[in-house]
Amino acid sequence: MDFEKREYFRGILLEEMRALLEEAEKTVSEMNADTTNFPDPTDRATQESDRTFELRIRDRERKLLNKIREALERIENDSFGTCEMCGEEISEARLKVRPVTTLCIDCKIEQEKAEKH
């Protein structure tokens, strides 16, 4: 992959990382600021359910942040855009949709088939 394309994907990854970190910070601030004590058990349960849901989302985003960091490392060591299984180049269209991917579409399909069995 040439320098311009690597820089293009670096920009996408860094922007996605920035947005995720901003959301995480906002969630922490909101949870720290929210000291509402609902006397009604149903309201408390709803609040707890909402918090649990929000934390699950943030956990998924934390995992995505790790994948973004790994993708940025692959850009640095010039292995970004190369399939980990077959060594072929991952299509640019696939990388635009999922820039953290490590598998070409054919290998990903094979992996999913193997997981089903």
PDB file of N, CA and C in Angstrom:
ATOM      1  N   MET A   1       0.851  -1.174   0.000  1.00  0.00           N
ATOM      2  CA  MET A   1       0.000   0.000   0.000  1.00  0.00           C
ATOM      3  C   MET A   1       0.894   1.233   0.000  1.00  0.00           C
ATOM      4  N   ASP A   2       0.538   2.195  -0.832  1.00  0.00           N
ATOM      5  CA  ASP A   2       1.387   3.380  -0.929  1.00  0.00           C
ATOM      6  C   ASP A   2       1.171   4.329   0.252  1.00  0.00           C
ATOM      7  N   PHE A   3       2.076   5.292   0.380  1.00  0.00           N
ATOM      8  CA  PHE A   3       2.109   6.216   1.505  1.00  0.00           C
ATOM      9  C   PHE A   3       0.801   7.002   1.631  1.00  0.00           C
ATOM     10  N   GLU A   4       0.282   7.512   0.519  1.00  0.00           N
ATOM     11  CA  GLU A   4      -0.945   8.326   0.564  1.00  0.00           C
ATOM     12  C   GLU A   4      -2.132   7.535   1.109  1.00  0.00           C
ATOM     13  N   LYS A   5      -2.264   6.298   0.687  1.00  0.00           N
ATOM     14  CA  LYS A   5      -3.378   5.471   1.173  1.00  0.00           C
ATOM     15  C   LYS A   5      -3.208   5.156   2.651  1.00  0.00           C
ATOM     16  N   ARG A   6      -1.976   4.862   3.059  1.00  0.00           N
ATOM     17  CA  ARG A   6      -1.738   4.598   4.482  1.00  0.00           C
ATOM     18  C   ARG A   6      -2.091   5.825   5.319  1.00  0.00           C
ATOM     19  N   GLU A   7      -1.716   6.994   4.830  1.00  0.00           N
ATOM     20  CA  GLU A   7      -2.033   8.231   5.552  1.00  0.00           C
ATOM     21  C   GLU A   7      -3.547   8.484   5.576  1.00  0.00           C
ATOM     22  N   TYR A   8      -4.218   8.162   4.494  1.00  0.00           N
ATOM     23  CA  TYR A   8      -5.672   8.288   4.439  1.00  0.00           C
ATOM     24  C   TYR A   8      -6.312   7.421   5.531  1.00  0.00           C
ATOM     25  N   PHE A   9      -5.890   6.160   5.624  1.00  0.00           N
ATOM     26  CA  PHE A   9      -6.459   5.255   6.627  1.00  0.00           C
ATOM     27  C   PHE A   9      -6.015   5.638   8.036  1.00  0.00           C
ATOM     28  N   ARG A  10      -4.802   6.155   8.182  1.00  0.00           N
ATOM     29  CA  ARG A  10      -4.356   6.637   9.486  1.00  0.00           C
ATOM     30  C   ARG A  10      -5.301   7.744   9.964  1.00  0.00           C
ATOM     31  N   GLY A  11      -5.649   8.657   9.070  1.00  0.00           N
ATOM     32  CA  GLY A  11      -6.569   9.741   9.416  1.00  0.00           C
ATOM     33  C   GLY A  11      -7.941   9.228   9.836  1.00  0.00           C
ATOM     34  N   ILE A  12      -8.460   8.253   9.105  1.00  0.00           N
ATOM     35  CA  ILE A  12      -9.756   7.658   9.453  1.00  0.00           C
ATOM     36  C   ILE A  12      -9.681   7.025  10.840  1.00  0.00           C
ATOM     37  N   LEU A  13      -8.628   6.242  11.087  1.00  0.00           N
ATOM     38  CA  LEU A  13      -8.477   5.555  12.369  1.00  0.00           C
ATOM     39  C   LEU A  13      -8.306   6.541  13.524  1.00  0.00           C
ATOM     40  N   LEU A  14      -7.505   7.569  13.320  1.00  0.00           N
ATOM     41  CA  LEU A  14      -7.300   8.555  14.381  1.00  0.00           C
ATOM     42  C   LEU A  14      -8.582   9.320  14.691  1.00  0.00           C
ATOM     43  N   GLU A  15      -9.362   9.629  13.676  1.00  0.00           N
ATOM     44  CA  GLU A  15     -10.633  10.326  13.902  1.00  0.00           C
ATOM     45  C   GLU A  15     -11.612   9.432  14.644  1.00  0.00           C
ATOM     46  N   GLU A  16     -11.662   8.166  14.282  1.00  0.00           N
ATOM     47  CA  GLU A  16     -12.549   7.234  14.969  1.00  0.00           C
ATOM     48  C   GLU A  16     -12.107   7.078  16.427  1.00  0.00           C
ATOM     49  N   MET A  17     -10.813   7.015  16.660  1.00  0.00           N
ATOM     50  CA  MET A  17     -10.296   6.908  18.022  1.00  0.00           C
ATOM     51  C   MET A  17     -10.673   8.146  18.836  1.00  0.00           C
ATOM     52  N   ARG A  18     -10.509   9.311  18.246  1.00  0.00           N
ATOM     53  CA  ARG A  18     -10.840  10.563  18.931  1.00  0.00           C
ATOM     54  C   ARG A  18     -12.312  10.585  19.324  1.00  0.00           C
ATOM     55  N   ALA A  19     -13.186  10.183  18.397  1.00  0.00           N
ATOM     56  CA  ALA A  19     -14.625  10.187  18.667  1.00  0.00           C
ATOM     57  C   ALA A  19     -14.979   9.204  19.782  1.00  0.00           C
ATOM     58  N   LEU A  20     -14.368   8.024  19.771  1.00  0.00           N
ATOM     59  CA  LEU A  20     -14.641   7.031  20.814  1.00  0.00           C
ATOM     60  C   LEU A  20     -14.165   7.512  22.183  1.00  0.00           C
ATOM     61  N   LEU A  21     -12.997   8.106  22.231  1.00  0.00           N
ATOM     62  CA  LEU A  21     -12.478   8.615  23.502  1.00  0.00           C
ATOM     63  C   LEU A  21     -13.333   9.767  24.026  1.00  0.00           C
ATOM     64  N   GLU A  22     -13.826  10.590  23.128  1.00  0.00           N
ATOM     65  CA  GLU A  22     -14.708  11.697  23.513  1.00  0.00           C
ATOM     66  C   GLU A  22     -16.012  11.160  24.113  1.00  0.00           C
ATOM     67  N   GLU A  23     -16.578  10.135  23.494  1.00  0.00           N
ATOM     68  CA  GLU A  23     -17.803   9.522  24.011  1.00  0.00           C
ATOM     69  C   GLU A  23     -17.562   8.885  25.370  1.00  0.00           C
ATOM     70  N   ALA A  24     -16.430   8.232  25.535  1.00  0.00           N
ATOM     71  CA  ALA A  24     -16.110   7.597  26.811  1.00  0.00           C
ATOM     72  C   ALA A  24     -15.990   8.649  27.909  1.00  0.00           C
ATOM     73  N   GLU A  25     -15.334   9.749  27.605  1.00  0.00           N
ATOM     74  CA  GLU A  25     -15.185  10.835  28.573  1.00  0.00           C
ATOM     75  C   GLU A  25     -16.538  11.429  28.946  1.00  0.00           C
ATOM     76  N   LYS A  26     -17.389  11.576  27.942  1.00  0.00           N
ATOM     77  CA  LYS A  26     -18.727  12.120  28.187  1.00  0.00           C
ATOM     78  C   LYS A  26     -19.522  11.180  29.102  1.00  0.00           C
ATOM     79  N   THR A  27     -19.415   9.887  28.866  1.00  0.00           N
ATOM     80  CA  THR A  27     -20.124   8.903  29.687  1.00  0.00           C
ATOM     81  C   THR A  27     -19.645   8.962  31.128  1.00  0.00           C
ATOM     82  N   VAL A  28     -18.334   9.030  31.328  1.00  0.00           N
ATOM     83  CA  VAL A  28     -17.788   9.109  32.686  1.00  0.00           C
ATOM     84  C   VAL A  28     -18.291  10.372  33.377  1.00  0.00           C
ATOM     85  N   SER A  29     -18.258  11.491  32.685  1.00  0.00           N
ATOM     86  CA  SER A  29     -18.724  12.754  33.264  1.00  0.00           C
ATOM     87  C   SER A  29     -20.195  12.678  33.646  1.00  0.00           C
ATOM     88  N   GLU A  30     -21.008  12.132  32.755  1.00  0.00           N
ATOM     89  CA  GLU A  30     -22.441  12.027  33.030  1.00  0.00           C
ATOM     90  C   GLU A  30     -22.717  11.109  34.210  1.00  0.00           C
ATOM     91  N   MET A  31     -21.997   9.976  34.287  1.00  0.00           N
ATOM     92  CA  MET A  31     -22.228   9.047  35.398  1.00  0.00           C
ATOM     93  C   MET A  31     -21.774   9.650  36.725  1.00  0.00           C
ATOM     94  N   ASN A  32     -20.697  10.408  36.701  1.00  0.00           N
ATOM     95  CA  ASN A  32     -20.227  11.057  37.931  1.00  0.00           C
ATOM     96  C   ASN A  32     -21.159  12.189  38.352  1.00  0.00           C
ATOM     97  N   ALA A  33     -21.736  12.883  37.400  1.00  0.00           N
ATOM     98  CA  ALA A  33     -22.624  14.013  37.695  1.00  0.00           C
ATOM     99  C   ALA A  33     -24.021  13.559  38.094  1.00  0.00           C
ATOM    100  N   ASP A  34     -24.432  12.394  37.652  1.00  0.00           N
ATOM    101  CA  ASP A  34     -25.786  11.921  37.912  1.00  0.00           C
ATOM    102  C   ASP A  34     -25.873  11.294  39.297  1.00  0.00           C
ATOM    103  N   THR A  35     -26.375  12.070  40.239  1.00  0.00           N
ATOM    104  CA  THR A  35     -26.537  11.583  41.610  1.00  0.00           C
ATOM    105  C   THR A  35     -28.011  11.452  41.964  1.00  0.00           C
ATOM    106  N   THR A  36     -28.854  11.328  40.976  1.00  0.00           N
ATOM    107  CA  THR A  36     -30.280  11.215  41.192  1.00  0.00           C
ATOM    108  C   THR A  36     -30.584   9.951  41.987  1.00  0.00           C
ATOM    109  N   ASN A  37     -31.383  10.122  43.015  1.00  0.00           N
ATOM    110  CA  ASN A  37     -31.793   8.987  43.831  1.00  0.00           C
ATOM    111  C   ASN A  37     -33.310   8.856  43.700  1.00  0.00           C
ATOM    112  N   PHE A  38     -33.726   7.871  42.934  1.00  0.00           N
ATOM    113  CA  PHE A  38     -35.152   7.683  42.692  1.00  0.00           C
ATOM    114  C   PHE A  38     -35.784   6.883  43.838  1.00  0.00           C
ATOM    115  N   PRO A  39     -36.842   7.421  44.441  1.00  0.00           N
ATOM    116  CA  PRO A  39     -37.509   6.665  45.504  1.00  0.00           C
ATOM    117  C   PRO A  39     -38.296   5.461  44.972  1.00  0.00           C
ATOM    118  N   ASP A  40     -38.713   5.544  43.735  1.00  0.00           N
ATOM    119  CA  ASP A  40     -39.491   4.459  43.142  1.00  0.00           C
ATOM    120  C   ASP A  40     -38.551   3.353  42.653  1.00  0.00           C
ATOM    121  N   PRO A  41     -38.759   2.119  43.092  1.00  0.00           N
ATOM    122  CA  PRO A  41     -37.876   1.008  42.662  1.00  0.00           C
ATOM    123  C   PRO A  41     -37.855   0.804  41.145  1.00  0.00           C
ATOM    124  N   THR A  42     -38.964   1.058  40.494  1.00  0.00           N
ATOM    125  CA  THR A  42     -39.008   0.889  39.037  1.00  0.00           C
ATOM    126  C   THR A  42     -38.108   1.910  38.345  1.00  0.00           C
ATOM    127  N   ASP A  43     -38.127   3.139  38.843  1.00  0.00           N
ATOM    128  CA  ASP A  43     -37.268   4.179  38.273  1.00  0.00           C
ATOM    129  C   ASP A  43     -35.790   3.853  38.506  1.00  0.00           C
ATOM    130  N   ARG A  44     -35.481   3.352  39.708  1.00  0.00           N
ATOM    131  CA  ARG A  44     -34.091   2.970  39.997  1.00  0.00           C
ATOM    132  C   ARG A  44     -33.645   1.833  39.092  1.00  0.00           C
ATOM    133  N   ALA A  45     -34.542   0.872  38.887  1.00  0.00           N
ATOM    134  CA  ALA A  45     -34.212  -0.264  38.017  1.00  0.00           C
ATOM    135  C   ALA A  45     -33.989   0.190  36.587  1.00  0.00           C
ATOM    136  N   THR A  46     -34.806   1.120  36.126  1.00  0.00           N
ATOM    137  CA  THR A  46     -34.639   1.655  34.770  1.00  0.00           C
ATOM    138  C   THR A  46     -33.301   2.372  34.639  1.00  0.00           C
ATOM    139  N   GLN A  47     -32.969   3.179  35.650  1.00  0.00           N
ATOM    140  CA  GLN A  47     -31.688   3.888  35.625  1.00  0.00           C
ATOM    141  C   GLN A  47     -30.522   2.888  35.610  1.00  0.00           C
ATOM    142  N   GLU A  48     -30.613   1.872  36.428  1.00  0.00           N
ATOM    143  CA  GLU A  48     -29.551   0.862  36.490  1.00  0.00           C
ATOM    144  C   GLU A  48     -29.427   0.109  35.167  1.00  0.00           C
ATOM    145  N   SER A  49     -30.569  -0.207  34.569  1.00  0.00           N
ATOM    146  CA  SER A  49     -30.575  -0.880  33.272  1.00  0.00           C
ATOM    147  C   SER A  49     -29.928   0.002  32.202  1.00  0.00           C
ATOM    148  N   ASP A  50     -30.264   1.279  32.215  1.00  0.00           N
ATOM    149  CA  ASP A  50     -29.677   2.221  31.257  1.00  0.00           C
ATOM    150  C   ASP A  50     -28.163   2.317  31.440  1.00  0.00           C
ATOM    151  N   ARG A  51     -27.721   2.364  32.680  1.00  0.00           N
ATOM    152  CA  ARG A  51     -26.280   2.440  32.952  1.00  0.00           C
ATOM    153  C   ARG A  51     -25.566   1.180  32.491  1.00  0.00           C
ATOM    154  N   THR A  52     -26.173   0.038  32.758  1.00  0.00           N
ATOM    155  CA  THR A  52     -25.577  -1.230  32.344  1.00  0.00           C
ATOM    156  C   THR A  52     -25.446  -1.288  30.825  1.00  0.00           C
ATOM    157  N   PHE A  53     -26.488  -0.848  30.136  1.00  0.00           N
ATOM    158  CA  PHE A  53     -26.463  -0.823  28.675  1.00  0.00           C
ATOM    159  C   PHE A  53     -25.356   0.107  28.177  1.00  0.00           C
ATOM    160  N   GLU A  54     -25.267   1.281  28.774  1.00  0.00           N
ATOM    161  CA  GLU A  54     -24.242   2.253  28.390  1.00  0.00           C
ATOM    162  C   GLU A  54     -22.835   1.689  28.623  1.00  0.00           C
ATOM    163  N   LEU A  55     -22.650   1.008  29.732  1.00  0.00           N
ATOM    164  CA  LEU A  55     -21.337   0.439  30.027  1.00  0.00           C
ATOM    165  C   LEU A  55     -20.990  -0.701  29.072  1.00  0.00           C
ATOM    166  N   ARG A  56     -21.986  -1.463  28.651  1.00  0.00           N
ATOM    167  CA  ARG A  56     -21.722  -2.521  27.666  1.00  0.00           C
ATOM    168  C   ARG A  56     -21.275  -1.918  26.340  1.00  0.00           C
ATOM    169  N   ILE A  57     -21.917  -0.838  25.961  1.00  0.00           N
ATOM    170  CA  ILE A  57     -21.517  -0.146  24.724  1.00  0.00           C
ATOM    171  C   ILE A  57     -20.080   0.351  24.857  1.00  0.00           C
ATOM    172  N   ARG A  58     -19.760   0.968  25.987  1.00  0.00           N
ATOM    173  CA  ARG A  58     -18.403   1.492  26.182  1.00  0.00           C
ATOM    174  C   ARG A  58     -17.375   0.359  26.201  1.00  0.00           C
ATOM    175  N   ASP A  59     -17.743  -0.808  26.717  1.00  0.00           N
ATOM    176  CA  ASP A  59     -16.822  -1.946  26.707  1.00  0.00           C
ATOM    177  C   ASP A  59     -16.536  -2.395  25.280  1.00  0.00           C
ATOM    178  N   ARG A  60     -17.572  -2.427  24.457  1.00  0.00           N
ATOM    179  CA  ARG A  60     -17.366  -2.780  23.044  1.00  0.00           C
ATOM    180  C   ARG A  60     -16.483  -1.738  22.365  1.00  0.00           C
ATOM    181  N   GLU A  61     -16.701  -0.479  22.708  1.00  0.00           N
ATOM    182  CA  GLU A  61     -15.882   0.580  22.126  1.00  0.00           C
ATOM    183  C   GLU A  61     -14.434   0.488  22.608  1.00  0.00           C
ATOM    184  N   ARG A  62     -14.229   0.060  23.856  1.00  0.00           N
ATOM    185  CA  ARG A  62     -12.878  -0.126  24.382  1.00  0.00           C
ATOM    186  C   ARG A  62     -12.147  -1.192  23.561  1.00  0.00           C
ATOM    187  N   LYS A  63     -12.864  -2.261  23.247  1.00  0.00           N
ATOM    188  CA  LYS A  63     -12.264  -3.312  22.425  1.00  0.00           C
ATOM    189  C   LYS A  63     -11.947  -2.789  21.028  1.00  0.00           C
ATOM    190  N   LEU A  64     -12.828  -1.947  20.492  1.00  0.00           N
ATOM    191  CA  LEU A  64     -12.580  -1.346  19.183  1.00  0.00           C
ATOM    192  C   LEU A  64     -11.367  -0.421  19.235  1.00  0.00           C
ATOM    193  N   LEU A  65     -11.215   0.305  20.338  1.00  0.00           N
ATOM    194  CA  LEU A  65     -10.032   1.164  20.488  1.00  0.00           C
ATOM    195  C   LEU A  65      -8.745   0.346  20.415  1.00  0.00           C
ATOM    196  N   ASN A  66      -8.749  -0.823  21.036  1.00  0.00           N
ATOM    197  CA  ASN A  66      -7.569  -1.694  20.959  1.00  0.00           C
ATOM    198  C   ASN A  66      -7.308  -2.119  19.517  1.00  0.00           C
ATOM    199  N   LYS A  67      -8.364  -2.432  18.782  1.00  0.00           N
ATOM    200  CA  LYS A  67      -8.197  -2.814  17.376  1.00  0.00           C
ATOM    201  C   LYS A  67      -7.685  -1.643  16.546  1.00  0.00           C
ATOM    202  N   ILE A  68      -8.141  -0.440  16.868  1.00  0.00           N
ATOM    203  CA  ILE A  68      -7.660   0.749  16.156  1.00  0.00           C
ATOM    204  C   ILE A  68      -6.170   0.937  16.423  1.00  0.00           C
ATOM    205  N   ARG A  69      -5.766   0.787  17.678  1.00  0.00           N
ATOM    206  CA  ARG A  69      -4.336   0.923  18.008  1.00  0.00           C
ATOM    207  C   ARG A  69      -3.501  -0.120  17.259  1.00  0.00           C
ATOM    208  N   GLU A  70      -4.013  -1.335  17.188  1.00  0.00           N
ATOM    209  CA  GLU A  70      -3.304  -2.387  16.448  1.00  0.00           C
ATOM    210  C   GLU A  70      -3.213  -2.051  14.962  1.00  0.00           C
ATOM    211  N   ALA A  71      -4.296  -1.499  14.404  1.00  0.00           N
ATOM    212  CA  ALA A  71      -4.278  -1.107  12.988  1.00  0.00           C
ATOM    213  C   ALA A  71      -3.262   0.007  12.754  1.00  0.00           C
ATOM    214  N   LEU A  72      -3.183   0.952  13.678  1.00  0.00           N
ATOM    215  CA  LEU A  72      -2.191   2.021  13.556  1.00  0.00           C
ATOM    216  C   LEU A  72      -0.775   1.454  13.624  1.00  0.00           C
ATOM    217  N   GLU A  73      -0.566   0.444  14.456  1.00  0.00           N
ATOM    218  CA  GLU A  73       0.745  -0.218  14.511  1.00  0.00           C
ATOM    219  C   GLU A  73       1.052  -0.906  13.182  1.00  0.00           C
ATOM    220  N   ARG A  74       0.023  -1.524  12.581  1.00  0.00           N
ATOM    221  CA  ARG A  74       0.245  -2.181  11.272  1.00  0.00           C
ATOM    222  C   ARG A  74       0.584  -1.148  10.204  1.00  0.00           C
ATOM    223  N   ILE A  75       0.011   0.043  10.309  1.00  0.00           N
ATOM    224  CA  ILE A  75       0.376   1.109   9.363  1.00  0.00           C
ATOM    225  C   ILE A  75       1.849   1.453   9.560  1.00  0.00           C
ATOM    226  N   GLU A  76       2.278   1.557  10.813  1.00  0.00           N
ATOM    227  CA  GLU A  76       3.674   1.900  11.115  1.00  0.00           C
ATOM    228  C   GLU A  76       4.649   0.847  10.607  1.00  0.00           C
ATOM    229  N   ASN A  77       4.293  -0.437  10.762  1.00  0.00           N
ATOM    230  CA  ASN A  77       5.236  -1.479  10.339  1.00  0.00           C
ATOM    231  C   ASN A  77       4.954  -1.981   8.921  1.00  0.00           C
ATOM    232  N   ASP A  78       4.116  -1.241   8.194  1.00  0.00           N
ATOM    233  CA  ASP A  78       3.853  -1.477   6.772  1.00  0.00           C
ATOM    234  C   ASP A  78       3.183  -2.830   6.486  1.00  0.00           C
ATOM    235  N   SER A  79       2.404  -3.329   7.454  1.00  0.00           N
ATOM    236  CA  SER A  79       1.658  -4.562   7.203  1.00  0.00           C
ATOM    237  C   SER A  79       0.150  -4.291   7.103  1.00  0.00           C
ATOM    238  N   PHE A  80      -0.237  -3.034   7.200  1.00  0.00           N
ATOM    239  CA  PHE A  80      -1.642  -2.665   7.097  1.00  0.00           C
ATOM    240  C   PHE A  80      -2.150  -2.984   5.694  1.00  0.00           C
ATOM    241  N   GLY A  81      -3.333  -3.596   5.635  1.00  0.00           N
ATOM    242  CA  GLY A  81      -3.935  -3.896   4.345  1.00  0.00           C
ATOM    243  C   GLY A  81      -3.530  -5.240   3.775  1.00  0.00           C
ATOM    244  N   THR A  82      -2.773  -6.024   4.554  1.00  0.00           N
ATOM    245  CA  THR A  82      -2.360  -7.353   4.128  1.00  0.00           C
ATOM    246  C   THR A  82      -3.087  -8.380   4.988  1.00  0.00           C
ATOM    247  N   CYS A  83      -3.712  -9.350   4.350  1.00  0.00           N
ATOM    248  CA  CYS A  83      -4.466 -10.389   5.060  1.00  0.00           C
ATOM    249  C   CYS A  83      -3.525 -11.237   5.913  1.00  0.00           C
ATOM    250  N   GLU A  84      -3.903 -11.432   7.179  1.00  0.00           N
ATOM    251  CA  GLU A  84      -3.082 -12.232   8.089  1.00  0.00           C
ATOM    252  C   GLU A  84      -3.089 -13.715   7.743  1.00  0.00           C
ATOM    253  N   MET A  85      -4.138 -14.178   7.057  1.00  0.00           N
ATOM    254  CA  MET A  85      -4.214 -15.608   6.740  1.00  0.00           C
ATOM    255  C   MET A  85      -3.515 -15.958   5.433  1.00  0.00           C
ATOM    256  N   CYS A  86      -3.862 -15.252   4.363  1.00  0.00           N
ATOM    257  CA  CYS A  86      -3.338 -15.645   3.052  1.00  0.00           C
ATOM    258  C   CYS A  86      -2.205 -14.753   2.549  1.00  0.00           C
ATOM    259  N   GLY A  87      -2.025 -13.586   3.178  1.00  0.00           N
ATOM    260  CA  GLY A  87      -0.959 -12.685   2.770  1.00  0.00           C
ATOM    261  C   GLY A  87      -1.296 -11.802   1.580  1.00  0.00           C
ATOM    262  N   GLU A  88      -2.507 -11.962   1.050  1.00  0.00           N
ATOM    263  CA  GLU A  88      -2.935 -11.123  -0.082  1.00  0.00           C
ATOM    264  C   GLU A  88      -3.364  -9.743   0.417  1.00  0.00           C
ATOM    265  N   GLU A  89      -3.437  -8.814  -0.505  1.00  0.00           N
ATOM    266  CA  GLU A  89      -3.867  -7.470  -0.165  1.00  0.00           C
ATOM    267  C   GLU A  89      -5.374  -7.443   0.105  1.00  0.00           C
ATOM    268  N   ILE A  90      -5.774  -6.759   1.168  1.00  0.00           N
ATOM    269  CA  ILE A  90      -7.190  -6.575   1.491  1.00  0.00           C
ATOM    270  C   ILE A  90      -7.696  -5.436   0.613  1.00  0.00           C
ATOM    271  N   SER A  91      -8.872  -5.612   0.033  1.00  0.00           N
ATOM    272  CA  SER A  91      -9.385  -4.592  -0.883  1.00  0.00           C
ATOM    273  C   SER A  91      -9.590  -3.260  -0.159  1.00  0.00           C
ATOM    274  N   GLU A  92      -9.363  -2.201  -0.894  1.00  0.00           N
ATOM    275  CA  GLU A  92      -9.530  -0.859  -0.347  1.00  0.00           C
ATOM    276  C   GLU A  92     -10.977  -0.622   0.077  1.00  0.00           C
ATOM    277  N   ALA A  93     -11.926  -1.169  -0.677  1.00  0.00           N
ATOM    278  CA  ALA A  93     -13.342  -1.018  -0.323  1.00  0.00           C
ATOM    279  C   ALA A  93     -13.615  -1.639   1.044  1.00  0.00           C
ATOM    280  N   ARG A  94     -13.041  -2.811   1.297  1.00  0.00           N
ATOM    281  CA  ARG A  94     -13.231  -3.465   2.601  1.00  0.00           C
ATOM    282  C   ARG A  94     -12.583  -2.648   3.708  1.00  0.00           C
ATOM    283  N   LEU A  95     -11.412  -2.119   3.465  1.00  0.00           N
ATOM    284  CA  LEU A  95     -10.730  -1.313   4.468  1.00  0.00           C
ATOM    285  C   LEU A  95     -11.487  -0.021   4.761  1.00  0.00           C
ATOM    286  N   LYS A  96     -12.144   0.537   3.773  1.00  0.00           N
ATOM    287  CA  LYS A  96     -12.934   1.755   4.005  1.00  0.00           C
ATOM    288  C   LYS A  96     -14.117   1.465   4.926  1.00  0.00           C
ATOM    289  N   VAL A  97     -14.713   0.292   4.763  1.00  0.00           N
ATOM    290  CA  VAL A  97     -15.859  -0.088   5.588  1.00  0.00           C
ATOM    291  C   VAL A  97     -15.404  -0.491   6.987  1.00  0.00           C
ATOM    292  N   ARG A  98     -14.313  -1.227   7.059  1.00  0.00           N
ATOM    293  CA  ARG A  98     -13.805  -1.737   8.340  1.00  0.00           C
ATOM    294  C   ARG A  98     -12.281  -1.614   8.362  1.00  0.00           C
ATOM    295  N   PRO A  99     -11.773  -0.426   8.667  1.00  0.00           N
ATOM    296  CA  PRO A  99     -10.327  -0.213   8.590  1.00  0.00           C
ATOM    297  C   PRO A  99      -9.504  -1.013   9.606  1.00  0.00           C
ATOM    298  N   VAL A 100     -10.151  -1.610  10.599  1.00  0.00           N
ATOM    299  CA  VAL A 100      -9.403  -2.406  11.578  1.00  0.00           C
ATOM    300  C   VAL A 100      -9.283  -3.868  11.165  1.00  0.00           C
ATOM    301  N   THR A 101      -9.861  -4.231  10.026  1.00  0.00           N
ATOM    302  CA  THR A 101      -9.864  -5.635   9.611  1.00  0.00           C
ATOM    303  C   THR A 101      -8.457  -6.152   9.359  1.00  0.00           C
ATOM    304  N   THR A 102      -8.293  -7.441   9.606  1.00  0.00           N
ATOM    305  CA  THR A 102      -6.997  -8.077   9.371  1.00  0.00           C
ATOM    306  C   THR A 102      -7.109  -9.204   8.350  1.00  0.00           C
ATOM    307  N   LEU A 103      -8.333  -9.433   7.861  1.00  0.00           N
ATOM    308  CA  LEU A 103      -8.557 -10.523   6.913  1.00  0.00           C
ATOM    309  C   LEU A 103      -9.219 -10.004   5.642  1.00  0.00           C
ATOM    310  N   CYS A 104      -8.817 -10.570   4.507  1.00  0.00           N
ATOM    311  CA  CYS A 104      -9.509 -10.255   3.252  1.00  0.00           C
ATOM    312  C   CYS A 104     -10.899 -10.891   3.319  1.00  0.00           C
ATOM    313  N   ILE A 105     -11.763 -10.518   2.423  1.00  0.00           N
ATOM    314  CA  ILE A 105     -13.144 -10.996   2.479  1.00  0.00           C
ATOM    315  C   ILE A 105     -13.226 -12.512   2.322  1.00  0.00           C
ATOM    316  N   ASP A 106     -12.418 -13.084   1.450  1.00  0.00           N
ATOM    317  CA  ASP A 106     -12.450 -14.537   1.241  1.00  0.00           C
ATOM    318  C   ASP A 106     -12.046 -15.287   2.516  1.00  0.00           C
ATOM    319  N   CYS A 107     -10.988 -14.846   3.173  1.00  0.00           N
ATOM    320  CA  CYS A 107     -10.548 -15.507   4.399  1.00  0.00           C
ATOM    321  C   CYS A 107     -11.549 -15.286   5.530  1.00  0.00           C
ATOM    322  N   LYS A 108     -12.185 -14.118   5.576  1.00  0.00           N
ATOM    323  CA  LYS A 108     -13.193 -13.858   6.600  1.00  0.00           C
ATOM    324  C   LYS A 108     -14.394 -14.780   6.411  1.00  0.00           C
ATOM    325  N   ILE A 109     -14.804 -14.989   5.171  1.00  0.00           N
ATOM    326  CA  ILE A 109     -15.918 -15.900   4.884  1.00  0.00           C
ATOM    327  C   ILE A 109     -15.555 -17.311   5.326  1.00  0.00           C
ATOM    328  N   GLU A 110     -14.343 -17.737   5.013  1.00  0.00           N
ATOM    329  CA  GLU A 110     -13.885 -19.068   5.425  1.00  0.00           C
ATOM    330  C   GLU A 110     -13.854 -19.192   6.941  1.00  0.00           C
ATOM    331  N   GLN A 111     -13.386 -18.154   7.620  1.00  0.00           N
ATOM    332  CA  GLN A 111     -13.332 -18.162   9.068  1.00  0.00           C
ATOM    333  C   GLN A 111     -14.743 -18.297   9.666  1.00  0.00           C
ATOM    334  N   GLU A 112     -15.680 -17.552   9.126  1.00  0.00           N
ATOM    335  CA  GLU A 112     -17.055 -17.622   9.626  1.00  0.00           C
ATOM    336  C   GLU A 112     -17.688 -18.965   9.364  1.00  0.00           C
ATOM    337  N   LYS A 113     -17.395 -19.563   8.219  1.00  0.00           N
ATOM    338  CA  LYS A 113     -17.904 -20.913   7.928  1.00  0.00           C
ATOM    339  C   LYS A 113     -17.360 -21.911   8.946  1.00  0.00           C
ATOM    340  N   ALA A 114     -16.069 -21.802   9.249  1.00  0.00           N
ATOM    341  CA  ALA A 114     -15.448 -22.725  10.203  1.00  0.00           C
ATOM    342  C   ALA A 114     -16.028 -22.534  11.602  1.00  0.00           C
ATOM    343  N   GLU A 115     -16.362 -21.321  11.966  1.00  0.00           N
ATOM    344  CA  GLU A 115     -16.938 -21.047  13.283  1.00  0.00           C
ATOM    345  C   GLU A 115     -18.338 -21.641  13.425  1.00  0.00           C
ATOM    346  N   LYS A 116     -19.066 -21.766  12.319  1.00  0.00           N
ATOM    347  CA  LYS A 116     -20.416 -22.312  12.368  1.00  0.00           C
ATOM    348  C   LYS A 116     -20.407 -23.814  12.603  1.00  0.00           C
ATOM    349  N   HIS A 117     -19.311 -24.470  12.230  1.00  0.00           N
ATOM    350  CA  HIS A 117     -19.246 -25.935  12.356  1.00  0.00           C
ATOM    351  C   HIS A 117     -18.528 -26.373  13.572  1.00  0.00           C
TER     352      HIS A 117
END
